[in-house]
């Protein structure tokens, strides 16, 4: 177990740490990489939401951008609601047997 973050070691490889608007580090569980129209999007779940399975978790979808360093990539927020919905629908279809999705009405 990773004592510092209280995350089982087998899950550490699945964790991505990003900085929010205020510069604070936020841990996300990597769920999937979705390709749409030649762009790649990551589907992430905030770790604090993943730990509490009784609550409905909202995923975060970010577009992947290459950086000058070939070993790094950058994640950019997506403002296009249609793209977000399409990526999320593709994710839901791919994982329909693994997750219980709740539609907000």
C-alpha atoms as a PDB file:
ATOM      1  CA  UNK A   1       0.000   0.000   0.000  1.00  0.00           C
ATOM      2  CA  UNK A   2       1.226   3.511  -0.818  1.00  0.00           C
ATOM      3  CA  UNK A   3       1.227   4.855   2.750  1.00  0.00           C
ATOM      4  CA  UNK A   4       1.469   8.505   1.725  1.00  0.00           C
ATOM      5  CA  UNK A   5      -1.756   8.476  -0.274  1.00  0.00           C
ATOM      6  CA  UNK A   6      -3.479   5.421   1.253  1.00  0.00           C
ATOM      7  CA  UNK A   7      -3.892   3.907  -2.204  1.00  0.00           C
ATOM      8  CA  UNK A   8      -3.258   0.197  -2.783  1.00  0.00           C
ATOM      9  CA  UNK A   9      -0.078  -0.169  -4.850  1.00  0.00           C
ATOM     10  CA  UNK A  10      -1.826  -1.965  -7.689  1.00  0.00           C
ATOM     11  CA  UNK A  11      -3.953   1.153  -8.218  1.00  0.00           C
ATOM     12  CA  UNK A  12      -1.110   3.688  -8.083  1.00  0.00           C
ATOM     13  CA  UNK A  13      -0.379   3.256 -11.807  1.00  0.00           C
ATOM     14  CA  UNK A  14      -3.977   4.230 -12.533  1.00  0.00           C
ATOM     15  CA  UNK A  15      -3.751   7.513 -10.599  1.00  0.00           C
ATOM     16  CA  UNK A  16      -3.080  10.855 -12.280  1.00  0.00           C
ATOM     17  CA  UNK A  17      -2.299  13.953 -10.218  1.00  0.00           C
ATOM     18  CA  UNK A  18      -3.370  17.275 -11.732  1.00  0.00           C
ATOM     19  CA  UNK A  19      -3.373  20.823 -10.397  1.00  0.00           C
ATOM     20  CA  UNK A  20      -6.699  22.655 -10.109  1.00  0.00           C
ATOM     21  CA  UNK A  21      -7.283  26.383 -10.765  1.00  0.00           C
ATOM     22  CA  UNK A  22      -5.891  27.309  -7.350  1.00  0.00           C
ATOM     23  CA  UNK A  23      -2.768  25.170  -7.809  1.00  0.00           C
ATOM     24  CA  UNK A  24      -3.844  22.438  -5.384  1.00  0.00           C
ATOM     25  CA  UNK A  25      -3.031  18.846  -6.367  1.00  0.00           C
ATOM     26  CA  UNK A  26      -6.049  16.668  -7.127  1.00  0.00           C
ATOM     27  CA  UNK A  27      -5.841  12.904  -7.670  1.00  0.00           C
ATOM     28  CA  UNK A  28      -7.871  11.258 -10.413  1.00  0.00           C
ATOM     29  CA  UNK A  29      -8.380   7.633 -11.343  1.00  0.00           C
ATOM     30  CA  UNK A  30      -7.754   7.095 -15.052  1.00  0.00           C
ATOM     31  CA  UNK A  31     -10.800   5.305 -16.470  1.00  0.00           C
ATOM     32  CA  UNK A  32     -10.346   5.388 -20.239  1.00  0.00           C
ATOM     33  CA  UNK A  33      -8.820   7.033 -23.291  1.00  0.00           C
ATOM     34  CA  UNK A  34     -11.389   7.830 -25.999  1.00  0.00           C
ATOM     35  CA  UNK A  35     -10.536   8.874 -29.551  1.00  0.00           C
ATOM     36  CA  UNK A  36     -12.906  11.182 -31.414  1.00  0.00           C
ATOM     37  CA  UNK A  37     -12.257  12.967 -34.710  1.00  0.00           C
ATOM     38  CA  UNK A  38      -8.494  12.486 -34.469  1.00  0.00           C
ATOM     39  CA  UNK A  39      -8.328  13.873 -30.917  1.00  0.00           C
ATOM     40  CA  UNK A  40      -7.771  11.864 -27.734  1.00  0.00           C
ATOM     41  CA  UNK A  41      -9.725  12.466 -24.539  1.00  0.00           C
ATOM     42  CA  UNK A  42      -9.101  11.061 -21.070  1.00  0.00           C
ATOM     43  CA  UNK A  43     -11.988  10.095 -18.816  1.00  0.00           C
ATOM     44  CA  UNK A  44     -11.036  10.610 -15.165  1.00  0.00           C
ATOM     45  CA  UNK A  45     -12.781  10.130 -11.831  1.00  0.00           C
ATOM     46  CA  UNK A  46     -11.727  12.234  -8.829  1.00  0.00           C
ATOM     47  CA  UNK A  47     -10.207   9.792  -6.304  1.00  0.00           C
ATOM     48  CA  UNK A  48     -12.111  11.239  -3.353  1.00  0.00           C
ATOM     49  CA  UNK A  49     -15.375  10.484  -5.184  1.00  0.00           C
ATOM     50  CA  UNK A  50     -14.203   6.999  -6.204  1.00  0.00           C
ATOM     51  CA  UNK A  51     -13.532   6.098  -2.571  1.00  0.00           C
ATOM     52  CA  UNK A  52     -17.119   6.822  -1.532  1.00  0.00           C
ATOM     53  CA  UNK A  53     -19.122   4.408  -3.670  1.00  0.00           C
ATOM     54  CA  UNK A  54     -22.443   5.496  -2.127  1.00  0.00           C
ATOM     55  CA  UNK A  55     -22.222   8.887  -3.821  1.00  0.00           C
ATOM     56  CA  UNK A  56     -22.765   9.491  -7.499  1.00  0.00           C
ATOM     57  CA  UNK A  57     -19.399  10.369  -9.021  1.00  0.00           C
ATOM     58  CA  UNK A  58     -18.991  12.701 -11.928  1.00  0.00           C
ATOM     59  CA  UNK A  59     -16.240  12.010 -14.404  1.00  0.00           C
ATOM     60  CA  UNK A  60     -13.926  14.642 -15.811  1.00  0.00           C
ATOM     61  CA  UNK A  61     -13.206  14.614 -19.543  1.00  0.00           C
ATOM     62  CA  UNK A  62     -10.077  16.396 -20.779  1.00  0.00           C
ATOM     63  CA  UNK A  63      -8.491  16.628 -24.224  1.00  0.00           C
ATOM     64  CA  UNK A  64      -4.936  15.262 -24.507  1.00  0.00           C
ATOM     65  CA  UNK A  65      -2.334  17.610 -25.980  1.00  0.00           C
ATOM     66  CA  UNK A  66       1.234  16.724 -26.840  1.00  0.00           C
ATOM     67  CA  UNK A  67       3.999  18.811 -25.311  1.00  0.00           C
ATOM     68  CA  UNK A  68       7.533  19.562 -26.476  1.00  0.00           C
ATOM     69  CA  UNK A  69       8.727  16.777 -24.181  1.00  0.00           C
ATOM     70  CA  UNK A  70       7.735  13.509 -25.888  1.00  0.00           C
ATOM     71  CA  UNK A  71       7.408  11.751 -22.522  1.00  0.00           C
ATOM     72  CA  UNK A  72       4.801  14.193 -21.212  1.00  0.00           C
ATOM     73  CA  UNK A  73       1.328  15.145 -22.279  1.00  0.00           C
ATOM     74  CA  UNK A  74      -0.924  17.973 -21.246  1.00  0.00           C
ATOM     75  CA  UNK A  75      -4.645  17.832 -20.459  1.00  0.00           C
ATOM     76  CA  UNK A  76      -6.913  20.676 -21.549  1.00  0.00           C
ATOM     77  CA  UNK A  77     -10.505  21.327 -20.524  1.00  0.00           C
ATOM     78  CA  UNK A  78     -13.163  20.915 -23.211  1.00  0.00           C
ATOM     79  CA  UNK A  79     -15.728  23.690 -23.640  1.00  0.00           C
ATOM     80  CA  UNK A  80     -17.720  22.072 -26.456  1.00  0.00           C
ATOM     81  CA  UNK A  81     -20.752  20.442 -24.819  1.00  0.00           C
ATOM     82  CA  UNK A  82     -21.408  18.303 -27.916  1.00  0.00           C
ATOM     83  CA  UNK A  83     -17.881  16.845 -27.821  1.00  0.00           C
ATOM     84  CA  UNK A  84     -18.184  16.168 -24.073  1.00  0.00           C
ATOM     85  CA  UNK A  85     -21.518  14.402 -24.556  1.00  0.00           C
ATOM     86  CA  UNK A  86     -20.220  12.330 -27.481  1.00  0.00           C
ATOM     87  CA  UNK A  87     -17.081  11.242 -25.602  1.00  0.00           C
ATOM     88  CA  UNK A  88     -19.147  10.387 -22.517  1.00  0.00           C
ATOM     89  CA  UNK A  89     -21.649   8.360 -24.581  1.00  0.00           C
ATOM     90  CA  UNK A  90     -18.755   6.413 -26.149  1.00  0.00           C
ATOM     91  CA  UNK A  91     -17.341   5.779 -22.667  1.00  0.00           C
ATOM     92  CA  UNK A  92     -20.744   4.671 -21.337  1.00  0.00           C
ATOM     93  CA  UNK A  93     -21.254   2.257 -24.227  1.00  0.00           C
ATOM     94  CA  UNK A  94     -17.794   0.732 -23.764  1.00  0.00           C
ATOM     95  CA  UNK A  95     -18.247   0.245 -19.993  1.00  0.00           C
ATOM     96  CA  UNK A  96     -22.000  -0.363 -19.754  1.00  0.00           C
ATOM     97  CA  UNK A  97     -21.404  -3.749 -18.089  1.00  0.00           C
ATOM     98  CA  UNK A  98     -18.834  -2.448 -15.578  1.00  0.00           C
ATOM     99  CA  UNK A  99     -20.456   0.735 -14.228  1.00  0.00           C
ATOM    100  CA  UNK A 100     -23.965   1.727 -13.191  1.00  0.00           C
ATOM    101  CA  UNK A 101     -24.601   4.999 -14.987  1.00  0.00           C
ATOM    102  CA  UNK A 102     -27.213   7.384 -13.614  1.00  0.00           C
ATOM    103  CA  UNK A 103     -28.736   9.843 -16.062  1.00  0.00           C
ATOM    104  CA  UNK A 104     -29.375  13.276 -14.594  1.00  0.00           C
ATOM    105  CA  UNK A 105     -32.718  14.664 -15.605  1.00  0.00           C
END
